[in-house]
Amino acid sequence: MHLDNGRDTCLLVESSTVAGPLRLRYLRARGEMRIRNSRASGRILLGDAILNNPGAVALRFTRNEAGSDVVCGGMTAHGEVHFVDTQITLTSTP
């Protein structure tokens, strides 16, 4: 998936509930991604995503609940990444 809105917000998820994982793996985004006041009952998958907003915020993740892990392995961010006031339920692997 490719999102491009220059330097403005390219994705806004607000006050939402996702039943299961929030899949943003392999995402290509230019601009600011804002995910706030939302809940996912499963994982937040950001692995291998490329977020571009140099000199500004690339990802603002505020007041969210993740029912499982937040997976960012391989994610590249050109810009700031903010995780603020977020509850993440960690799962253990055997």
C-alpha atoms as a PDB file:
ATOM      1  CA  MET A   1       0.000   0.000   0.000  1.00  0.00           C
ATOM      2  CA  HIS A   2       1.279   3.476  -0.897  1.00  0.00           C
ATOM      3  CA  LEU A   3       0.050   6.662   0.770  1.00  0.00           C
ATOM      4  CA  ASP A   4       1.300  10.070  -0.360  1.00  0.00           C
ATOM      5  CA  ASN A   5       0.071  13.436   0.835  1.00  0.00           C
ATOM      6  CA  GLY A   6       3.287  15.379   0.669  1.00  0.00           C
ATOM      7  CA  ARG A   7       4.084  16.732   4.131  1.00  0.00           C
ATOM      8  CA  ASP A   8       0.468  16.700   5.358  1.00  0.00           C
ATOM      9  CA  THR A   9      -1.390  13.872   7.103  1.00  0.00           C
ATOM     10  CA  CYS A  10      -1.502  10.828   4.824  1.00  0.00           C
ATOM     11  CA  LEU A  11      -3.355   8.509   7.226  1.00  0.00           C
ATOM     12  CA  LEU A  12      -5.680   9.348  10.117  1.00  0.00           C
ATOM     13  CA  VAL A  13      -7.127   6.600  12.284  1.00  0.00           C
ATOM     14  CA  GLU A  14      -9.053   8.156  15.158  1.00  0.00           C
ATOM     15  CA  SER A  15     -11.441   6.744  17.774  1.00  0.00           C
ATOM     16  CA  SER A  16     -11.573   3.415  15.947  1.00  0.00           C
ATOM     17  CA  THR A  17     -11.820  -0.202  17.011  1.00  0.00           C
ATOM     18  CA  VAL A  18     -10.110  -2.897  14.967  1.00  0.00           C
ATOM     19  CA  ALA A  19     -11.252  -6.469  15.649  1.00  0.00           C
ATOM     20  CA  GLY A  20      -7.992  -8.321  15.203  1.00  0.00           C
ATOM     21  CA  PRO A  21      -4.646  -7.022  13.992  1.00  0.00           C
ATOM     22  CA  LEU A  22      -4.030  -3.623  12.394  1.00  0.00           C
ATOM     23  CA  ARG A  23      -1.998  -4.597   9.339  1.00  0.00           C
ATOM     24  CA  LEU A  24       0.262  -1.841   8.026  1.00  0.00           C
ATOM     25  CA  ARG A  25       3.121  -4.131   7.061  1.00  0.00           C
ATOM     26  CA  TYR A  26       5.053  -3.111   3.921  1.00  0.00           C
ATOM     27  CA  LEU A  27       3.268   0.258   3.933  1.00  0.00           C
ATOM     28  CA  ARG A  28       4.943   3.100   2.048  1.00  0.00           C
ATOM     29  CA  ALA A  29       3.833   6.463   3.431  1.00  0.00           C
ATOM     30  CA  ARG A  30       4.855  10.040   2.690  1.00  0.00           C
ATOM     31  CA  GLY A  31       3.467  12.533   5.171  1.00  0.00           C
ATOM     32  CA  GLU A  32       2.366  12.120   8.766  1.00  0.00           C
ATOM     33  CA  MET A  33       0.529   9.017   9.958  1.00  0.00           C
ATOM     34  CA  ARG A  34      -1.722   9.663  12.987  1.00  0.00           C
ATOM     35  CA  ILE A  35      -3.248   6.810  14.929  1.00  0.00           C
ATOM     36  CA  ARG A  36      -4.965   8.019  18.089  1.00  0.00           C
ATOM     37  CA  ASN A  37      -7.663   7.122  20.595  1.00  0.00           C
ATOM     38  CA  SER A  38      -8.056   3.711  18.975  1.00  0.00           C
ATOM     39  CA  ARG A  39      -7.961   0.056  19.938  1.00  0.00           C
ATOM     40  CA  ALA A  40      -6.853  -3.084  18.128  1.00  0.00           C
ATOM     41  CA  SER A  41      -7.646  -6.421  19.746  1.00  0.00           C
ATOM     42  CA  GLY A  42      -4.621  -7.991  18.045  1.00  0.00           C
ATOM     43  CA  ARG A  43      -1.165  -6.945  16.978  1.00  0.00           C
ATOM     44  CA  ILE A  44      -0.177  -3.671  15.366  1.00  0.00           C
ATOM     45  CA  LEU A  45       1.947  -4.738  12.395  1.00  0.00           C
ATOM     46  CA  LEU A  46       4.338  -2.075  11.059  1.00  0.00           C
ATOM     47  CA  GLY A  47       7.118  -4.442  10.001  1.00  0.00           C
ATOM     48  CA  ASP A  48       9.021  -3.472   6.856  1.00  0.00           C
ATOM     49  CA  ALA A  49       7.031  -0.229   6.515  1.00  0.00           C
ATOM     50  CA  ILE A  50       8.804   2.862   5.174  1.00  0.00           C
ATOM     51  CA  LEU A  51       7.548   6.123   6.665  1.00  0.00           C
ATOM     52  CA  ASN A  52       8.795   9.356   5.100  1.00  0.00           C
ATOM     53  CA  ASN A  53       8.311  12.771   6.657  1.00  0.00           C
ATOM     54  CA  PRO A  54      11.866  14.120   7.126  1.00  0.00           C
ATOM     55  CA  GLY A  55      12.225  16.939   9.645  1.00  0.00           C
ATOM     56  CA  ALA A  56       8.723  16.309  11.040  1.00  0.00           C
ATOM     57  CA  VAL A  57       6.660  13.530  12.641  1.00  0.00           C
ATOM     58  CA  ALA A  58       6.343  10.403  10.483  1.00  0.00           C
ATOM     59  CA  LEU A  59       4.205   8.423  12.972  1.00  0.00           C
ATOM     60  CA  ARG A  60       2.152   9.782  15.869  1.00  0.00           C
ATOM     61  CA  PHE A  61       0.697   6.887  17.902  1.00  0.00           C
ATOM     62  CA  THR A  62      -1.239   8.451  20.808  1.00  0.00           C
ATOM     63  CA  ARG A  63      -3.666   7.116  23.454  1.00  0.00           C
ATOM     64  CA  ASN A  64      -4.142   3.719  21.848  1.00  0.00           C
ATOM     65  CA  GLU A  65      -4.577   0.178  23.121  1.00  0.00           C
ATOM     66  CA  ALA A  66      -2.943  -2.779  21.420  1.00  0.00           C
ATOM     67  CA  GLY A  67      -4.301  -6.180  22.446  1.00  0.00           C
ATOM     68  CA  SER A  68      -0.965  -7.755  21.657  1.00  0.00           C
ATOM     69  CA  ASP A  69       2.467  -6.718  20.418  1.00  0.00           C
ATOM     70  CA  VAL A  70       3.425  -3.752  18.289  1.00  0.00           C
ATOM     71  CA  VAL A  71       5.748  -5.225  15.657  1.00  0.00           C
ATOM     72  CA  CYS A  72       8.131  -2.749  14.017  1.00  0.00           C
ATOM     73  CA  GLY A  73      10.894  -5.099  12.831  1.00  0.00           C
ATOM     74  CA  GLY A  74      12.391  -3.755   9.626  1.00  0.00           C
ATOM     75  CA  MET A  75      10.417  -0.503   9.801  1.00  0.00           C
ATOM     76  CA  THR A  76      12.268   2.560   8.532  1.00  0.00           C
ATOM     77  CA  ALA A  77      11.215   6.053   9.575  1.00  0.00           C
ATOM     78  CA  HIS A  78      12.588   9.228   8.022  1.00  0.00           C
ATOM     79  CA  GLY A  79      11.194  11.589  10.638  1.00  0.00           C
ATOM     80  CA  GLU A  80      10.142  11.330  14.261  1.00  0.00           C
ATOM     81  CA  VAL A  81       8.138   8.445  15.729  1.00  0.00           C
ATOM     82  CA  HIS A  82       6.040   9.238  18.818  1.00  0.00           C
ATOM     83  CA  PHE A  83       4.408   6.571  20.999  1.00  0.00           C
ATOM     84  CA  VAL A  84       2.522   8.503  23.698  1.00  0.00           C
ATOM     85  CA  ASP A  85       0.168   7.271  26.430  1.00  0.00           C
ATOM     86  CA  THR A  86      -0.322   3.905  24.735  1.00  0.00           C
ATOM     87  CA  GLN A  87      -1.100   0.583  26.400  1.00  0.00           C
ATOM     88  CA  ILE A  88       0.487  -2.459  24.771  1.00  0.00           C
ATOM     89  CA  THR A  89      -0.280  -5.950  26.060  1.00  0.00           C
ATOM     90  CA  LEU A  90       2.893  -7.920  25.500  1.00  0.00           C
ATOM     91  CA  THR A  91       2.676 -11.594  24.648  1.00  0.00           C
ATOM     92  CA  SER A  92       5.412 -14.074  25.393  1.00  0.00           C
ATOM     93  CA  THR A  93       6.753 -16.460  22.804  1.00  0.00           C
ATOM     94  CA  PRO A  94       7.578 -20.062  23.737  1.00  0.00           C
END
